[in-house]
Amino acid sequence: MSDLPRKAVTRTARLAALPLGFAGRATWGLGKRIVGESAEIVGRELQQRTAEQLFKVLGELKGGAMKFGQAMSVFESALPEEVAGPYRAALTKLQDAAPPMPTRTMHSVLAERLGEDWSELFLEFDDKPAAAASIGQVHRAVWHDGREVAVKVQYPGAGEALLSDLNQLSRFARLLGPLIPGMDVKPLISELKDRVSEELDYGLEAQAQQAHADEFAGDPDVVVPAVVHQCDQVLVTEWIDGVPLSEVITDGTPEQRDRAGQLLSRFLFSGPARTGLLHADPHPGNFRLLPGGPDGADDWRLGVLDFGTVDRLPGGLPDPIGDSLRMTLDGEAEAVYELLRTEGFVKDSIELDPDAVLDYLLPIIEPAQVEEFTFTRGWMRSQAARVADPRSPAHQLGKQLNLPPAYLLIHRVTLSTIGVLCQLGATVRLREELEEWLPGFLAADVLEAFEAEGSAAEA
């Protein structure tokens, strides 16, 4: 059985000890200031020491602590590499090494949730899990009608462990603020608690996955496995084979990398427009390259897995995202500033220079300025360095911006997707996807012209 519920007391004690360590380091920092060291040096050392302890504890725990660590990991570029590097490695190892349930326990769980005769539902069932994660594991099987399926089984007690961790973390959220400049951590943890509750609900996951499967059925570019059966904490879906995106990142050809990057961008922006849902867990393990794209057997499609975490966006991505991108590209500093203030990115108590805000945003949206853009780790590092350097105007301005809760998950998903594109080193026509799928990105007159041109072509 998973060790999540069995170590609840130990987990709580270790998480509860974190604020004491933070307080001790704050006292240490004050002492260093008194003896004459500069605020910048002390602040940097304090951030490193705090991050080291936080990441060490989160890296050794699973459950909600791991979820919080994963959420924070998209902001790790603002941290010193000597801290962020080991943290990335710890997260990767943790994701790959989650302990599976013993076979006997797994069989008893299936009997409880699918009935004592559960094995009659399958022609074949592989007791060895094909994948294991923080809250459950996946088995490959053959459904009674002959379809190959993936059977996702949740660990007993996983929900209590996850939510207990996040409740504990929320008690000292304010102490984590210095690690993420410009971010209020408490709404992040609240958001995670909401999403974790959804992730534990396989009924909601089945609905989100089937909505995507229906919408993308027959799509030349994207494949989503259909839901076959769902009951309590068991989810059965169609099985898809393909090249995991992690393998494309390490060993893929340039053609595979570019195709994967284009399709990943397309799915990110088209999904909300087509389904009203945003797939909110864009890490390489959830994507596959499948042969048989629009140009035949040598072309590729994108297989998408795991809809446990989604953002519900009935009207697609919010219009202000497209509006602000368009106005930033057009150099409309005052209009961008007013829109950011209206949406809560700039708090009422703060006054900023609109031109400085524009200068801050333009490098970030460089991929949207050109017809095609090559995402690289070097570009990502340069962006991180620009924003993270305490001496830079971008760093000072970034600390004064706010991320409203309504945009938090969208922001996190976008950053994570960009991170994967940089891992791929993909050359992507991102602007093409924005024009097609992002509301507000095209000015109204341009959009009307495009629509008229499309209608004329159909006629």
Protein backbone atom coordinates (compact mmCIF):
# COMPACT_ATOMS: atom_id res chain seq x y z
CA MET A 1 0.00 0.00 0.00
CA SER A 2 1.16 3.55 -0.57
CA ASP A 3 2.98 5.10 2.38
CA LEU A 4 0.99 8.36 2.10
CA PRO A 5 -1.58 7.78 4.88
CA ARG A 6 0.69 5.77 7.18
CA LYS A 7 3.11 8.63 7.82
CA ALA A 8 0.59 11.40 8.44
CA VAL A 9 1.98 12.29 11.89
CA THR A 10 5.57 12.36 10.63
CA ARG A 11 4.59 14.44 7.59
CA THR A 12 2.76 17.01 9.71
CA ALA A 13 5.69 17.29 12.11
CA ARG A 14 8.19 17.86 9.31
CA LEU A 15 6.04 20.47 7.60
CA ALA A 16 5.32 22.18 10.92
CA ALA A 17 9.07 22.50 11.56
CA LEU A 18 9.60 24.60 8.44
CA PRO A 19 8.43 27.95 9.94
CA LEU A 20 10.83 27.51 12.88
CA GLY A 21 13.72 27.11 10.45
CA PHE A 22 12.58 30.17 8.50
CA ALA A 23 12.40 32.25 11.69
CA GLY A 24 15.88 31.09 12.73
CA ARG A 25 17.33 32.15 9.40
CA ALA A 26 15.61 35.55 9.63
CA THR A 27 17.37 36.09 12.97
CA TRP A 28 20.65 34.96 11.40
CA GLY A 29 20.10 37.47 8.59
CA LEU A 30 19.49 40.31 11.04
CA GLY A 31 22.73 39.45 12.81
CA LYS A 32 24.65 39.57 9.54
CA ARG A 33 23.15 43.00 8.78
CA ILE A 34 24.17 44.31 12.20
CA VAL A 35 27.80 43.37 11.61
CA GLY A 36 27.82 45.28 8.34
CA GLU A 37 27.09 42.93 5.40
CA SER A 38 25.06 44.46 2.56
CA ALA A 39 21.31 43.89 2.38
CA GLU A 40 21.66 42.45 -1.13
CA ILE A 41 24.18 39.79 -0.11
CA VAL A 42 22.29 38.90 3.06
CA GLY A 43 19.00 38.73 1.15
CA ARG A 44 20.47 36.40 -1.44
CA GLU A 45 22.00 34.10 1.20
CA LEU A 46 18.75 34.10 3.16
CA GLN A 47 16.78 33.18 0.05
CA GLN A 48 19.19 30.33 -0.74
CA ARG A 49 19.09 28.89 2.77
CA THR A 50 15.30 29.16 2.98
CA ALA A 51 14.83 27.57 -0.43
CA GLU A 52 17.26 24.78 0.39
CA GLN A 53 15.35 23.74 3.50
CA LEU A 54 11.93 24.10 1.87
CA PHE A 55 12.90 22.12 -1.23
CA LYS A 56 14.64 19.44 0.85
CA VAL A 57 11.50 18.79 2.91
CA LEU A 58 9.12 18.96 -0.05
CA GLY A 59 11.41 16.69 -2.06
CA GLU A 60 11.33 14.02 0.64
CA LEU A 61 7.53 14.01 0.99
CA LYS A 62 4.84 13.06 -1.50
CA GLY A 63 1.17 14.02 -1.56
CA GLY A 64 0.24 17.68 -1.19
CA ALA A 65 3.81 18.66 -0.38
CA MET A 66 4.87 17.25 -3.75
CA LYS A 67 2.00 19.05 -5.50
CA PHE A 68 3.06 22.35 -3.94
CA GLY A 69 6.67 21.69 -4.91
CA GLN A 70 5.64 21.00 -8.50
CA ALA A 71 3.60 24.22 -8.61
CA MET A 72 6.51 26.24 -7.25
CA SER A 73 8.94 24.59 -9.66
CA VAL A 74 7.71 26.74 -12.57
CA PHE A 75 9.05 29.76 -10.66
CA GLU A 76 12.41 28.13 -9.88
CA SER A 77 14.14 30.18 -12.57
CA ALA A 78 14.04 33.13 -10.16
CA LEU A 79 16.19 31.14 -7.73
CA PRO A 80 19.95 30.60 -7.75
CA GLU A 81 20.90 27.65 -9.99
CA GLU A 82 22.74 25.90 -7.15
CA VAL A 83 19.37 25.67 -5.36
CA ALA A 84 17.05 25.17 -8.32
CA GLY A 85 19.18 22.48 -10.01
CA PRO A 86 19.10 19.95 -7.16
CA TYR A 87 15.41 20.73 -6.62
CA ARG A 88 14.59 19.88 -10.24
CA ALA A 89 16.50 16.64 -9.90
CA ALA A 90 14.69 15.77 -6.67
CA LEU A 91 11.29 16.37 -8.26
CA THR A 92 12.15 14.26 -11.30
CA LYS A 93 13.36 11.41 -9.11
CA LEU A 94 10.28 11.69 -6.92
CA GLN A 95 7.92 11.50 -9.91
CA ASP A 96 9.70 8.45 -11.27
CA ALA A 97 10.01 6.57 -7.98
CA ALA A 98 6.53 6.67 -6.40
CA PRO A 99 6.01 3.26 -4.72
CA PRO A 100 3.32 1.06 -6.31
CA MET A 101 0.70 -0.78 -4.29
CA PRO A 102 1.42 -4.46 -3.67
CA THR A 103 -0.59 -6.69 -6.03
CA ARG A 104 -2.76 -8.08 -3.23
CA THR A 105 -3.70 -4.58 -2.06
CA MET A 106 -4.41 -3.45 -5.62
CA HIS A 107 -6.70 -6.47 -6.19
CA SER A 108 -8.61 -5.76 -2.98
CA VAL A 109 -9.05 -2.11 -4.02
CA LEU A 110 -10.43 -3.17 -7.42
CA ALA A 111 -12.75 -5.71 -5.74
CA GLU A 112 -14.07 -3.02 -3.40
CA ARG A 113 -14.63 -0.47 -6.16
CA LEU A 114 -15.59 -2.58 -9.19
CA GLY A 115 -17.08 -5.61 -7.40
CA GLU A 116 -15.74 -9.03 -6.40
CA ASP A 117 -16.02 -10.20 -10.01
CA TRP A 118 -13.96 -7.28 -11.29
CA SER A 119 -11.60 -9.55 -13.24
CA GLU A 120 -14.50 -10.61 -15.49
CA LEU A 121 -14.56 -7.07 -16.89
CA PHE A 122 -11.16 -7.74 -18.51
CA LEU A 123 -9.85 -10.29 -20.98
CA GLU A 124 -6.33 -9.50 -19.75
CA PHE A 125 -4.94 -7.46 -16.84
CA ASP A 126 -1.27 -6.71 -16.16
CA ASP A 127 -0.66 -6.66 -12.41
CA LYS A 128 2.58 -4.73 -12.87
CA PRO A 129 1.76 -1.01 -13.06
CA ALA A 130 2.69 0.77 -16.28
CA ALA A 131 3.04 4.00 -14.31
CA ALA A 132 2.93 5.12 -10.67
CA ALA A 133 2.57 8.65 -9.29
CA SER A 134 1.82 10.49 -6.06
CA ILE A 135 -1.86 9.55 -5.73
CA GLY A 136 -2.34 6.43 -7.86
CA GLN A 137 -1.06 4.05 -10.50
CA VAL A 138 -1.99 2.89 -14.02
CA HIS A 139 -2.28 -0.70 -15.28
CA ARG A 140 -2.47 -1.90 -18.87
CA ALA A 141 -5.34 -4.28 -19.63
CA VAL A 142 -7.76 -5.53 -22.30
CA TRP A 143 -11.43 -4.66 -21.75
CA HIS A 144 -14.06 -7.37 -22.20
CA ASP A 145 -14.90 -6.04 -25.68
CA GLY A 146 -11.28 -6.41 -26.86
CA ARG A 147 -10.17 -2.80 -26.52
CA GLU A 148 -6.75 -2.11 -24.98
CA VAL A 149 -7.29 0.09 -21.94
CA ALA A 150 -5.47 1.99 -19.20
CA VAL A 151 -6.83 1.32 -15.69
CA LYS A 152 -6.10 4.14 -13.25
CA VAL A 153 -6.41 3.16 -9.58
CA GLN A 154 -6.20 5.68 -6.73
CA TYR A 155 -4.21 4.84 -3.60
CA PRO A 156 -6.40 4.37 -0.50
CA GLY A 157 -6.07 7.40 1.77
CA ALA A 158 -4.36 9.57 -0.84
CA GLY A 159 -6.92 12.35 -0.56
CA GLU A 160 -6.53 12.84 3.17
CA ALA A 161 -2.73 13.02 2.88
CA LEU A 162 -2.80 15.58 0.06
CA LEU A 163 -5.27 17.93 1.69
CA SER A 164 -3.64 17.62 5.11
CA ASP A 165 -0.29 18.68 3.61
CA LEU A 166 -1.77 21.71 1.87
CA ASN A 167 -3.67 22.78 5.00
CA GLN A 168 -0.39 22.63 6.92
CA LEU A 169 1.48 24.58 4.24
CA SER A 170 -1.19 27.29 4.16
CA ARG A 171 -0.56 28.07 7.84
CA PHE A 172 2.82 29.59 7.07
CA ALA A 173 2.23 30.71 3.47
CA ARG A 174 3.34 34.29 4.18
CA LEU A 175 6.83 33.05 5.07
CA LEU A 176 7.23 31.66 1.55
CA GLY A 177 6.62 35.01 -0.14
CA PRO A 178 10.30 35.99 -0.55
CA LEU A 179 10.87 32.89 -2.69
CA ILE A 180 8.44 34.05 -5.38
CA PRO A 181 8.66 37.83 -5.96
CA GLY A 182 5.32 39.33 -6.93
CA MET A 183 3.38 36.20 -5.94
CA ASP A 184 0.94 35.89 -3.05
CA VAL A 185 1.49 32.28 -2.04
CA LYS A 186 -1.72 31.82 -0.04
CA PRO A 187 -4.01 31.98 -3.13
CA LEU A 188 -1.63 29.56 -4.85
CA ILE A 189 -2.12 27.03 -2.05
CA SER A 190 -5.89 27.62 -2.03
CA GLU A 191 -5.93 27.05 -5.79
CA LEU A 192 -3.97 23.81 -5.32
CA LYS A 193 -6.40 22.64 -2.65
CA ASP A 194 -9.30 23.22 -5.05
CA ARG A 195 -7.49 21.46 -7.88
CA VAL A 196 -6.35 18.56 -5.71
CA SER A 197 -9.93 17.96 -4.65
CA GLU A 198 -10.85 17.79 -8.32
CA GLU A 199 -7.88 15.59 -9.16
CA LEU A 200 -9.03 13.07 -6.55
CA ASP A 201 -12.49 12.98 -8.15
CA TYR A 202 -12.20 10.54 -11.03
CA GLY A 203 -15.79 11.32 -12.01
CA LEU A 204 -14.81 14.91 -12.84
CA GLU A 205 -11.68 13.69 -14.61
CA ALA A 206 -13.77 11.31 -16.72
CA GLN A 207 -16.10 14.16 -17.73
CA ALA A 208 -13.19 16.43 -18.71
CA GLN A 209 -11.42 13.69 -20.66
CA GLN A 210 -14.57 12.62 -22.52
CA ALA A 211 -15.36 16.23 -23.41
CA HIS A 212 -11.93 16.45 -25.05
CA ALA A 213 -12.26 13.01 -26.65
CA ASP A 214 -15.59 14.01 -28.23
CA GLU A 215 -14.31 17.38 -29.46
CA PHE A 216 -11.05 16.01 -30.89
CA ALA A 217 -12.52 12.81 -32.35
CA GLY A 218 -11.18 12.55 -35.91
CA ASP A 219 -8.88 15.55 -35.42
CA PRO A 220 -5.81 15.29 -37.68
CA ASP A 221 -3.48 16.71 -35.03
CA VAL A 222 -4.64 15.73 -31.53
CA VAL A 223 -5.70 12.34 -30.07
CA VAL A 224 -7.48 12.04 -26.70
CA PRO A 225 -8.34 8.52 -25.44
CA ALA A 226 -12.05 7.98 -24.79
CA VAL A 227 -13.39 7.02 -21.37
CA VAL A 228 -14.45 3.36 -21.21
CA HIS A 229 -15.64 3.05 -17.59
CA GLN A 230 -15.49 5.06 -14.37
CA CYS A 231 -16.45 3.99 -10.84
CA ASP A 232 -15.38 5.63 -7.58
CA GLN A 233 -11.57 5.93 -7.63
CA VAL A 234 -11.07 3.76 -10.71
CA LEU A 235 -10.93 5.20 -14.24
CA VAL A 236 -10.70 3.05 -17.37
CA THR A 237 -9.78 4.76 -20.65
CA GLU A 238 -8.61 3.67 -24.08
CA TRP A 239 -4.89 2.91 -24.27
CA ILE A 240 -2.70 4.83 -26.69
CA ASP A 241 0.86 3.96 -27.68
CA GLY A 242 3.34 6.51 -28.88
CA VAL A 243 6.71 8.15 -28.27
CA PRO A 244 6.68 9.85 -24.84
CA LEU A 245 7.53 13.54 -25.08
CA SER A 246 10.33 12.93 -22.57
CA GLU A 247 12.00 10.69 -25.18
CA VAL A 248 11.50 13.31 -27.89
CA ILE A 249 13.24 15.80 -25.59
CA THR A 250 16.26 13.54 -25.12
CA ASP A 251 16.49 11.72 -28.46
CA GLY A 252 14.00 13.22 -30.92
CA THR A 253 14.84 14.36 -34.44
CA PRO A 254 14.55 18.06 -35.28
CA GLU A 255 11.37 17.26 -37.23
CA GLN A 256 9.83 15.50 -34.22
CA ARG A 257 10.80 18.33 -31.89
CA ASP A 258 9.29 21.02 -34.10
CA ARG A 259 6.12 19.02 -34.74
CA ALA A 260 5.70 18.25 -31.02
CA GLY A 261 6.22 21.92 -30.13
CA GLN A 262 3.71 23.12 -32.73
CA LEU A 263 1.06 20.64 -31.62
CA LEU A 264 1.64 21.35 -27.94
CA SER A 265 1.15 25.08 -28.61
CA ARG A 266 -1.95 24.34 -30.69
CA PHE A 267 -3.48 22.20 -27.96
CA LEU A 268 -2.71 24.78 -25.26
CA PHE A 269 -4.62 27.53 -27.06
CA SER A 270 -7.25 25.55 -28.99
CA GLY A 271 -8.36 23.38 -26.07
CA PRO A 272 -10.13 26.15 -24.11
CA ALA A 273 -11.65 27.60 -27.29
CA ARG A 274 -13.04 24.20 -28.36
CA THR A 275 -13.98 22.60 -25.03
CA GLY A 276 -14.19 25.41 -22.47
CA LEU A 277 -11.49 23.53 -20.51
CA LEU A 278 -7.75 24.12 -20.06
CA HIS A 279 -5.60 21.01 -19.56
CA ALA A 280 -3.66 22.17 -16.51
CA ASP A 281 -0.87 19.60 -16.15
CA PRO A 282 1.41 20.13 -19.16
CA HIS A 283 4.46 18.07 -18.26
CA PRO A 284 6.15 15.72 -20.77
CA GLY A 285 4.76 12.57 -19.14
CA ASN A 286 1.25 13.52 -20.22
CA PHE A 287 1.97 13.70 -23.96
CA ARG A 288 2.88 11.24 -26.72
CA LEU A 289 3.80 11.56 -30.39
CA LEU A 290 1.68 9.15 -32.47
CA PRO A 291 2.38 8.34 -36.14
CA GLY A 292 -0.20 9.12 -38.79
CA GLY A 293 -0.62 12.89 -38.94
CA PRO A 294 -2.19 14.91 -41.80
CA ASP A 295 0.76 14.18 -44.13
CA GLY A 296 0.63 10.40 -43.71
CA ALA A 297 2.50 7.70 -41.82
CA ASP A 298 5.67 9.79 -41.54
CA ASP A 299 3.79 12.66 -39.89
CA TRP A 300 2.87 12.91 -36.21
CA ARG A 301 -0.14 13.57 -34.00
CA LEU A 302 -0.14 14.60 -30.33
CA GLY A 303 -1.64 12.16 -27.82
CA VAL A 304 -2.86 13.84 -24.61
CA LEU A 305 -3.29 12.06 -21.27
CA ASP A 306 -4.39 12.84 -17.69
CA PHE A 307 -7.24 15.32 -17.35
CA GLY A 308 -7.28 15.23 -13.55
CA THR A 309 -6.49 18.93 -13.35
CA VAL A 310 -8.35 21.34 -15.63
CA ASP A 311 -9.37 24.98 -15.50
CA ARG A 312 -12.98 25.60 -16.47
CA LEU A 313 -13.13 28.48 -18.97
CA PRO A 314 -16.60 28.43 -20.58
CA GLY A 315 -15.76 31.30 -22.92
CA GLY A 316 -12.25 30.10 -23.70
CA LEU A 317 -9.19 31.97 -22.49
CA PRO A 318 -10.11 35.42 -21.07
CA ASP A 319 -10.23 38.23 -23.64
CA PRO A 320 -7.86 40.49 -21.62
CA ILE A 321 -4.99 38.08 -22.31
CA GLY A 322 -5.32 38.50 -26.07
CA ASP A 323 -6.10 42.20 -25.76
CA SER A 324 -3.02 42.91 -23.65
CA LEU A 325 -0.76 40.87 -25.94
CA ARG A 326 -2.03 42.70 -29.02
CA MET A 327 -1.67 46.14 -27.43
CA THR A 328 1.80 45.32 -26.10
CA LEU A 329 2.94 44.28 -29.57
CA ASP A 330 1.47 47.51 -30.93
CA GLY A 331 3.36 49.57 -28.33
CA GLU A 332 0.22 50.94 -26.65
CA ALA A 333 1.80 51.45 -23.21
CA GLU A 334 -1.02 53.46 -21.60
CA ALA A 335 -3.74 51.07 -22.80
CA VAL A 336 -1.80 48.02 -21.59
CA TYR A 337 -1.22 49.64 -18.21
CA GLU A 338 -4.88 50.51 -17.74
CA LEU A 339 -5.95 46.98 -18.69
CA LEU A 340 -3.47 45.45 -16.24
CA ARG A 341 -4.73 47.73 -13.50
CA THR A 342 -8.37 46.87 -14.28
CA GLU A 343 -7.63 43.13 -14.16
CA GLY A 344 -5.72 43.41 -10.87
CA PHE A 345 -2.17 42.84 -12.13
CA VAL A 346 -1.32 46.29 -10.77
CA LYS A 347 -2.79 46.96 -7.33
CA ASP A 348 -4.63 50.23 -6.70
CA SER A 349 -2.04 51.24 -4.09
CA ILE A 350 0.81 51.15 -6.62
CA GLU A 351 1.72 53.58 -9.40
CA LEU A 352 4.03 52.39 -12.19
CA ASP A 353 5.44 53.97 -15.35
CA PRO A 354 3.42 52.54 -18.31
CA ASP A 355 6.49 52.67 -20.58
CA ALA A 356 8.52 50.73 -18.00
CA VAL A 357 5.76 48.10 -17.85
CA LEU A 358 5.86 47.82 -21.65
CA ASP A 359 9.66 47.41 -21.58
CA TYR A 360 9.22 44.68 -18.96
CA LEU A 361 6.66 42.76 -21.05
CA LEU A 362 8.14 42.97 -24.55
CA PRO A 363 11.04 40.50 -24.07
CA ILE A 364 8.66 37.98 -22.45
CA ILE A 365 6.35 37.99 -25.48
CA GLU A 366 9.17 37.85 -28.04
CA PRO A 367 7.85 34.50 -29.41
CA ALA A 368 4.63 36.26 -30.48
CA GLN A 369 6.46 39.07 -32.30
CA VAL A 370 7.74 36.92 -35.15
CA GLU A 371 6.28 34.42 -37.61
CA GLU A 372 8.23 31.56 -36.03
CA PHE A 373 10.37 31.34 -32.92
CA THR A 374 12.93 28.80 -31.70
CA PHE A 375 12.48 28.11 -28.00
CA THR A 376 15.78 27.34 -26.26
CA ARG A 377 17.02 26.85 -22.72
CA GLY A 378 19.35 29.78 -23.32
CA TRP A 379 16.42 32.08 -24.09
CA MET A 380 14.62 30.86 -20.97
CA ARG A 381 17.74 31.47 -18.84
CA SER A 382 18.14 34.97 -20.25
CA GLN A 383 14.54 35.79 -19.34
CA ALA A 384 15.03 34.39 -15.86
CA ALA A 385 18.27 36.31 -15.37
CA ARG A 386 16.65 39.57 -16.50
CA VAL A 387 13.79 39.21 -14.02
CA ALA A 388 15.74 37.62 -11.16
CA ASP A 389 18.72 40.00 -10.95
CA PRO A 390 17.95 42.28 -7.95
CA ARG A 391 19.91 45.10 -9.64
CA SER A 392 17.79 45.12 -12.81
CA PRO A 393 14.81 47.44 -13.37
CA ALA A 394 12.84 44.39 -14.54
CA HIS A 395 13.34 42.71 -11.16
CA GLN A 396 12.22 45.81 -9.27
CA LEU A 397 9.15 46.21 -11.46
CA GLY A 398 8.28 42.53 -11.34
CA LYS A 399 8.16 42.61 -7.55
CA GLN A 400 5.44 45.27 -7.75
CA LEU A 401 3.18 43.35 -10.13
CA ASN A 402 0.47 41.06 -8.80
CA LEU A 403 -0.97 37.83 -10.22
CA PRO A 404 -4.75 37.70 -9.63
CA PRO A 405 -6.08 34.29 -8.52
CA ALA A 406 -8.29 34.02 -11.62
CA TYR A 407 -5.19 34.05 -13.82
CA LEU A 408 -2.94 31.95 -11.60
CA LEU A 409 -3.57 28.55 -13.17
CA ILE A 410 -3.51 29.95 -16.73
CA HIS A 411 -0.17 31.62 -15.96
CA ARG A 412 1.25 28.44 -14.43
CA VAL A 413 0.12 26.30 -17.39
CA THR A 414 1.55 28.78 -19.91
CA LEU A 415 4.90 28.94 -18.13
CA SER A 416 5.06 25.16 -17.86
CA THR A 417 4.27 24.77 -21.56
CA ILE A 418 6.96 27.29 -22.51
CA GLY A 419 9.36 25.32 -20.32
CA VAL A 420 8.59 22.13 -22.27
CA LEU A 421 8.99 23.97 -25.60
CA CYS A 422 12.44 25.12 -24.45
CA GLN A 423 13.33 21.56 -23.43
CA LEU A 424 12.31 20.45 -26.92
CA GLY A 425 14.29 23.24 -28.57
CA ALA A 426 11.33 23.50 -30.95
CA THR A 427 10.83 26.06 -33.70
CA VAL A 428 7.17 27.00 -33.47
CA ARG A 429 4.80 29.27 -35.38
CA LEU A 430 3.27 30.52 -32.13
CA ARG A 431 1.77 33.68 -33.61
CA GLU A 432 -0.24 31.51 -36.01
CA GLU A 433 -1.84 29.68 -33.06
CA LEU A 434 -2.54 32.91 -31.21
CA GLU A 435 -4.27 34.42 -34.24
CA GLU A 436 -6.39 31.31 -34.67
CA TRP A 437 -7.39 30.57 -31.07
CA LEU A 438 -6.72 33.43 -28.61
CA PRO A 439 -9.69 35.80 -28.20
CA GLY A 440 -8.71 39.45 -28.53
CA PHE A 441 -5.30 38.84 -30.10
CA LEU A 442 -6.47 40.07 -33.50
CA ALA A 443 -7.95 43.56 -33.67
CA ALA A 444 -11.68 43.57 -34.48
CA ASP A 445 -11.20 44.94 -38.00
CA VAL A 446 -8.53 42.35 -38.82
CA LEU A 447 -10.70 39.56 -37.41
CA GLU A 448 -13.67 40.70 -39.51
CA ALA A 449 -11.48 40.71 -42.63
CA PHE A 450 -10.26 37.18 -41.88
CA GLU A 451 -13.80 35.95 -41.31
CA ALA A 452 -15.01 37.57 -44.53
CA GLU A 453 -12.14 35.99 -46.43
CA GLY A 454 -13.03 32.60 -44.94
CA SER A 455 -16.70 32.98 -45.88
CA ALA A 456 -15.78 33.95 -49.43
CA ALA A 457 -13.52 30.91 -49.75
CA GLU A 458 -16.32 28.58 -48.55
CA ALA A 459 -18.75 30.13 -51.02
